[in-house]
Every structure is written in C-alpha cells, then in structure tokens.
Protein backbone atom coordinates (compact mmCIF):
# COMPACT_ATOMS: atom_id res chain seq x y z
CA UNK A 1 3.76 19.64 4.34
CA UNK A 2 2.59 19.69 0.73
CA UNK A 3 0.94 16.56 -0.54
CA UNK A 4 0.63 15.66 -4.19
CA UNK A 5 -2.80 14.16 -4.74
CA UNK A 6 -4.26 12.18 -7.64
CA UNK A 7 -7.97 11.47 -7.87
CA UNK A 8 -9.20 8.27 -9.47
CA UNK A 9 -12.86 7.92 -10.44
CA UNK A 10 -14.29 4.58 -9.37
CA UNK A 11 -16.46 3.25 -12.23
CA UNK A 12 -20.20 3.62 -11.81
CA UNK A 13 -20.81 0.31 -13.58
CA UNK A 14 -18.37 -2.52 -13.16
CA UNK A 15 -17.70 -4.68 -16.15
CA UNK A 16 -14.37 -6.06 -17.34
CA UNK A 17 -13.54 -2.95 -19.36
CA UNK A 18 -14.38 -0.61 -16.46
CA UNK A 19 -12.25 -2.61 -14.03
CA UNK A 20 -9.35 -2.63 -16.50
CA UNK A 21 -9.70 1.16 -16.92
CA UNK A 22 -9.77 1.64 -13.13
CA UNK A 23 -6.62 -0.46 -12.74
CA UNK A 24 -4.89 1.58 -15.47
CA UNK A 25 -5.82 4.87 -13.78
CA UNK A 26 -4.61 3.50 -10.45
CA UNK A 27 -1.33 2.23 -11.93
CA UNK A 28 -0.71 5.65 -13.49
CA UNK A 29 -1.42 7.37 -10.16
CA UNK A 30 0.78 4.95 -8.21
CA UNK A 31 3.68 5.46 -10.62
CA UNK A 32 3.28 9.27 -10.48
CA UNK A 33 4.84 11.64 -7.95
CA UNK A 34 1.55 11.72 -6.03
CA UNK A 35 1.77 10.72 -2.39
CA UNK A 36 -2.00 10.52 -1.88
CA UNK A 37 -4.55 8.65 -3.99
CA UNK A 38 -8.21 9.63 -3.67
CA UNK A 39 -10.66 7.07 -5.04
CA UNK A 40 -13.81 9.04 -5.79
CA UNK A 41 -17.14 7.21 -5.39
CA UNK A 42 -19.36 10.21 -6.19
CA UNK A 43 -21.26 8.47 -9.02
CA UNK A 44 -21.18 4.94 -7.59
CA UNK A 45 -24.46 3.51 -6.29
CA UNK A 46 -23.43 -0.14 -5.85
CA UNK A 47 -20.19 -2.07 -5.46
CA UNK A 48 -19.89 -5.75 -6.33
CA UNK A 49 -17.34 -8.33 -5.19
CA UNK A 50 -15.11 -7.66 -8.23
CA UNK A 51 -15.19 -3.96 -7.34
CA UNK A 52 -14.13 -4.67 -3.77
CA UNK A 53 -11.36 -6.96 -5.05
CA UNK A 54 -10.16 -4.21 -7.41
CA UNK A 55 -9.96 -1.79 -4.46
CA UNK A 56 -7.99 -4.26 -2.35
CA UNK A 57 -5.50 -4.87 -5.16
CA UNK A 58 -4.97 -1.15 -5.74
CA UNK A 59 -4.67 -0.52 -1.99
CA UNK A 60 -1.92 -3.14 -1.68
CA UNK A 61 -0.06 -1.75 -4.70
CA UNK A 62 -0.31 1.81 -3.37
CA UNK A 63 0.92 0.78 0.08
CA UNK A 64 3.88 -1.12 -1.42
CA UNK A 65 4.89 2.11 -3.19
CA UNK A 66 4.54 4.21 -0.02
CA UNK A 67 1.33 5.94 -1.10
CA UNK A 68 -1.67 6.72 1.09
CA UNK A 69 -5.10 5.89 -0.34
CA UNK A 70 -8.45 7.36 0.68
CA UNK A 71 -11.98 6.52 -0.41
CA UNK A 72 -14.12 9.61 -0.75
CA UNK A 73 -17.82 10.30 -1.20
CA UNK A 74 -19.06 6.77 -0.53
CA UNK A 75 -22.78 6.24 -0.04
CA UNK A 76 -24.43 4.43 2.87
CA UNK A 77 -24.81 1.14 0.98
CA UNK A 78 -21.11 0.97 0.13
CA UNK A 79 -20.19 2.04 3.65
CA UNK A 80 -22.30 -0.82 5.01
CA UNK A 81 -20.58 -3.29 2.65
CA UNK A 82 -17.18 -2.10 3.87
CA UNK A 83 -18.31 -2.45 7.49
CA UNK A 84 -19.75 -5.95 6.95
CA UNK A 85 -16.53 -7.14 5.32
CA UNK A 86 -14.30 -5.40 7.88
CA UNK A 87 -12.73 -3.33 5.12
CA UNK A 88 -13.76 -0.10 6.85
CA UNK A 89 -10.84 -0.84 9.19
CA UNK A 90 -8.47 -1.15 6.22
CA UNK A 91 -9.50 1.79 4.04
CA UNK A 92 -9.34 5.43 5.10
CA UNK A 93 -12.72 7.00 4.33
CA UNK A 94 -13.27 10.74 3.96
CA UNK A 95 -16.32 12.72 2.96
CA UNK A 96 -15.46 15.04 0.10
CA UNK A 97 -12.29 17.07 0.19
CA UNK A 98 -8.57 16.93 -0.37
CA UNK A 99 -8.16 19.00 2.79
CA UNK A 100 -9.61 16.13 4.80
CA UNK A 101 -6.98 13.81 3.35
CA UNK A 102 -4.21 16.27 4.19
CA UNK A 103 -5.52 16.66 7.75
CA UNK A 104 -5.73 12.87 8.20
CA UNK A 105 -2.08 12.42 7.19
CA UNK A 106 -0.56 15.25 9.25
C-alpha cells in the first residue's frame, strides 16, 4: 500500500502570522492527493494554547477529508502538554520517520 505523505512544519514561534501560515500549509496538504499529513515539531521548543488549538482545527479538517495526521519529533515538554490535556489519546505521535507512519496505518 503506497501512501502519499505531506510534511507540514509546525512554527517554532507562534504569532498570528505563523499560525496563519501553518493553517495555509495544512489546507494545501489537506486539499492535495496526500493521504497522510506529518506535522513536524523538530524545531519547536514550546507550544502555547493557540498552537494546540491550531492543531485541533487541522486535525478535524484532515479527518473530515479522510486524511490521517501524525505528529512527529515532539519534545518531552510538548509530549507532557499533550498528556495533561488528554490530546495524546487523540493525536498519533511518531518519532521521526515516514516509515513509522506507514507502519502505523497498515
């Protein structure tokens, strides 16, 4: 089973412009032929409430379009935030690779 994957960089710093850019990248990925969206947190040190809200919105949009979304390369602080809010049960979290996403879907 071949999966088409699009990677979206989560902004390192969240201001209004960065959130708008993230939403635009996500919209483009959702409207593409991709079946899997990877939200890459490699450069992210901290996630605020607006950042979490942006993720939830994109997750809902992706799910409505039949896409699977993964969060990749999250640090311990963000992982703890997701656990405290119960969002670790909502989001699929992988370490680093597209292969992990493919394995999780199959």
